[in-house]
Amino acid sequence: MNYRVAFENERVRVLEYTDSPGHKTTEHSHPDSVMVTVTAFRRGISSEGKSMDVELPAAVARWLPAQHHSGENIGETDTHTFFVELKESTLPTNDEAEYLGPSES
């Protein structure tokens, strides 16, 4: 699978990402995001001649500033993660401020 839209509304888009060892992505972009790992994984990330290796455990959340990159699963495990991509940030209206908890939209 690679990328799948798990949820989207006017404020966020949630992408689920999966791949297997050795899989490489092409250059792509992400807006400001929060990444939540489902599995532990190792990746090589590169952009504009710079590269770094990243190793993350399962069940952590990390902030990702907007970026353009390509990546490769350099580990021995599948990658499974979610990206919560932020769209424009707005303050709630008075009507929206009355509601608490999760919503399906």
C-alpha atoms as a PDB file:
ATOM      1  CA  MET A   1       0.000   0.000   0.000  1.00  0.00           C
ATOM      2  CA  ASN A   2       2.341   3.084   0.555  1.00  0.00           C
ATOM      3  CA  TYR A   3       0.054   6.130   1.075  1.00  0.00           C
ATOM      4  CA  ARG A   4      -3.684   5.978   1.847  1.00  0.00           C
ATOM      5  CA  VAL A   5      -5.903   8.855   2.975  1.00  0.00           C
ATOM      6  CA  ALA A   6      -7.338   7.646   6.303  1.00  0.00           C
ATOM      7  CA  PHE A   7      -9.221  10.881   7.097  1.00  0.00           C
ATOM      8  CA  GLU A   8      -9.533  14.381   5.694  1.00  0.00           C
ATOM      9  CA  ASN A   9     -11.480  17.538   6.433  1.00  0.00           C
ATOM     10  CA  GLU A  10     -10.892  21.272   5.933  1.00  0.00           C
ATOM     11  CA  ARG A  11      -8.244  21.382   8.705  1.00  0.00           C
ATOM     12  CA  VAL A  12      -6.214  18.159   8.485  1.00  0.00           C
ATOM     13  CA  ARG A  13      -5.395  15.245   6.242  1.00  0.00           C
ATOM     14  CA  VAL A  14      -4.374  11.956   7.857  1.00  0.00           C
ATOM     15  CA  LEU A  15      -2.237   9.699   5.681  1.00  0.00           C
ATOM     16  CA  GLU A  16      -1.396   6.099   6.511  1.00  0.00           C
ATOM     17  CA  TYR A  17       1.963   4.958   5.121  1.00  0.00           C
ATOM     18  CA  THR A  18       3.308   1.417   4.846  1.00  0.00           C
ATOM     19  CA  ASP A  19       6.273  -0.159   3.060  1.00  0.00           C
ATOM     20  CA  SER A  20       8.680  -3.089   3.257  1.00  0.00           C
ATOM     21  CA  PRO A  21      12.467  -3.299   3.657  1.00  0.00           C
ATOM     22  CA  GLY A  22      14.252  -1.980   0.562  1.00  0.00           C
ATOM     23  CA  HIS A  23      11.312   0.112  -0.682  1.00  0.00           C
ATOM     24  CA  LYS A  24      12.250   3.595  -1.981  1.00  0.00           C
ATOM     25  CA  THR A  25      10.006   6.614  -2.440  1.00  0.00           C
ATOM     26  CA  THR A  26      10.337   9.267  -5.122  1.00  0.00           C
ATOM     27  CA  GLU A  27      10.790  12.942  -4.215  1.00  0.00           C
ATOM     28  CA  HIS A  28       7.612  14.247  -2.572  1.00  0.00           C
ATOM     29  CA  SER A  29       6.466  16.944  -0.133  1.00  0.00           C
ATOM     30  CA  HIS A  30       4.713  17.088   3.223  1.00  0.00           C
ATOM     31  CA  PRO A  31       3.252  20.196   4.881  1.00  0.00           C
ATOM     32  CA  ASP A  32       3.752  20.702   8.630  1.00  0.00           C
ATOM     33  CA  SER A  33       2.756  17.356  10.157  1.00  0.00           C
ATOM     34  CA  VAL A  34       2.707  15.139  13.182  1.00  0.00           C
ATOM     35  CA  MET A  35       3.971  11.602  12.503  1.00  0.00           C
ATOM     36  CA  VAL A  36       2.707   8.760  14.700  1.00  0.00           C
ATOM     37  CA  THR A  37       4.581   5.469  14.352  1.00  0.00           C
ATOM     38  CA  VAL A  38       2.727   2.154  14.518  1.00  0.00           C
ATOM     39  CA  THR A  39       5.838  -0.017  14.070  1.00  0.00           C
ATOM     40  CA  ALA A  40       9.525   0.569  14.788  1.00  0.00           C
ATOM     41  CA  PHE A  41      11.506   1.300  11.611  1.00  0.00           C
ATOM     42  CA  ARG A  42      14.728   2.629  10.065  1.00  0.00           C
ATOM     43  CA  ARG A  43      14.716   4.962   7.067  1.00  0.00           C
ATOM     44  CA  GLY A  44      17.219   6.842   4.993  1.00  0.00           C
ATOM     45  CA  ILE A  45      15.920  10.325   4.118  1.00  0.00           C
ATOM     46  CA  SER A  46      17.448  12.585   1.458  1.00  0.00           C
ATOM     47  CA  SER A  47      16.795  16.036   0.078  1.00  0.00           C
ATOM     48  CA  GLU A  48      18.850  18.456  -2.004  1.00  0.00           C
ATOM     49  CA  GLY A  49      22.111  16.574  -1.550  1.00  0.00           C
ATOM     50  CA  LYS A  50      21.701  16.071   2.198  1.00  0.00           C
ATOM     51  CA  SER A  51      20.866  12.732   3.784  1.00  0.00           C
ATOM     52  CA  MET A  52      20.312  11.218   7.203  1.00  0.00           C
ATOM     53  CA  ASP A  53      19.265   7.912   8.741  1.00  0.00           C
ATOM     54  CA  VAL A  54      16.307   7.886  11.101  1.00  0.00           C
ATOM     55  CA  GLU A  55      15.394   5.129  13.539  1.00  0.00           C
ATOM     56  CA  LEU A  56      12.126   5.380  15.453  1.00  0.00           C
ATOM     57  CA  PRO A  57      10.411   3.036  17.923  1.00  0.00           C
ATOM     58  CA  ALA A  58       6.752   2.047  17.683  1.00  0.00           C
ATOM     59  CA  ALA A  59       4.065   4.216  19.277  1.00  0.00           C
ATOM     60  CA  VAL A  60       5.776   7.627  19.280  1.00  0.00           C
ATOM     61  CA  ALA A  61       4.612  10.968  17.923  1.00  0.00           C
ATOM     62  CA  ARG A  62       7.051  13.394  16.292  1.00  0.00           C
ATOM     63  CA  TRP A  63       6.661  16.871  14.783  1.00  0.00           C
ATOM     64  CA  LEU A  64       7.730  17.188  11.142  1.00  0.00           C
ATOM     65  CA  PRO A  65       8.133  20.671   9.686  1.00  0.00           C
ATOM     66  CA  ALA A  66       7.135  21.080   6.032  1.00  0.00           C
ATOM     67  CA  GLN A  67       9.678  19.350   3.830  1.00  0.00           C
ATOM     68  CA  HIS A  68      10.508  17.896   0.425  1.00  0.00           C
ATOM     69  CA  HIS A  69      12.383  14.564   0.449  1.00  0.00           C
ATOM     70  CA  SER A  70      12.736  10.980  -0.738  1.00  0.00           C
ATOM     71  CA  GLY A  71      13.168   7.992   1.538  1.00  0.00           C
ATOM     72  CA  GLU A  72      14.180   4.353   1.724  1.00  0.00           C
ATOM     73  CA  ASN A  73      13.316   1.628   4.216  1.00  0.00           C
ATOM     74  CA  ILE A  74      16.855   0.622   5.264  1.00  0.00           C
ATOM     75  CA  GLY A  75      15.746  -1.574   8.148  1.00  0.00           C
ATOM     76  CA  GLU A  76      14.632  -5.168   8.477  1.00  0.00           C
ATOM     77  CA  THR A  77      11.015  -4.392   9.400  1.00  0.00           C
ATOM     78  CA  ASP A  78       8.004  -2.979   7.592  1.00  0.00           C
ATOM     79  CA  THR A  79       7.276   0.715   8.068  1.00  0.00           C
ATOM     80  CA  HIS A  80       3.780   1.580   9.306  1.00  0.00           C
ATOM     81  CA  THR A  81       3.052   5.161  10.306  1.00  0.00           C
ATOM     82  CA  PHE A  82       0.412   7.887  10.167  1.00  0.00           C
ATOM     83  CA  PHE A  83       0.967  11.520   9.138  1.00  0.00           C
ATOM     84  CA  VAL A  84      -1.440  14.154  10.429  1.00  0.00           C
ATOM     85  CA  GLU A  85      -0.893  16.935   7.901  1.00  0.00           C
ATOM     86  CA  LEU A  86      -2.003  20.375   9.043  1.00  0.00           C
ATOM     87  CA  LYS A  87      -3.931  22.633   6.719  1.00  0.00           C
ATOM     88  CA  GLU A  88      -4.386  26.332   7.498  1.00  0.00           C
ATOM     89  CA  SER A  89      -4.778  26.921  11.203  1.00  0.00           C
ATOM     90  CA  THR A  90      -7.850  28.792  12.393  1.00  0.00           C
ATOM     91  CA  LEU A  91      -9.393  29.567  15.744  1.00  0.00           C
ATOM     92  CA  PRO A  92     -12.768  27.940  16.397  1.00  0.00           C
ATOM     93  CA  THR A  93     -15.916  29.983  15.875  1.00  0.00           C
ATOM     94  CA  ASN A  94     -18.194  30.512  18.874  1.00  0.00           C
ATOM     95  CA  ASP A  95     -20.440  27.666  17.649  1.00  0.00           C
ATOM     96  CA  GLU A  96     -17.508  25.244  17.276  1.00  0.00           C
ATOM     97  CA  ALA A  97     -16.088  26.175  20.685  1.00  0.00           C
ATOM     98  CA  GLU A  98     -19.168  24.664  22.352  1.00  0.00           C
ATOM     99  CA  TYR A  99     -18.262  21.127  21.236  1.00  0.00           C
ATOM    100  CA  LEU A 100     -15.666  18.852  22.827  1.00  0.00           C
ATOM    101  CA  GLY A 101     -14.270  15.455  21.853  1.00  0.00           C
ATOM    102  CA  PRO A 102     -13.639  13.702  18.543  1.00  0.00           C
ATOM    103  CA  SER A 103     -15.730  14.177  15.450  1.00  0.00           C
ATOM    104  CA  GLU A 104     -16.099  12.233  12.217  1.00  0.00           C
ATOM    105  CA  SER A 105     -15.660  15.381  10.088  1.00  0.00           C
END
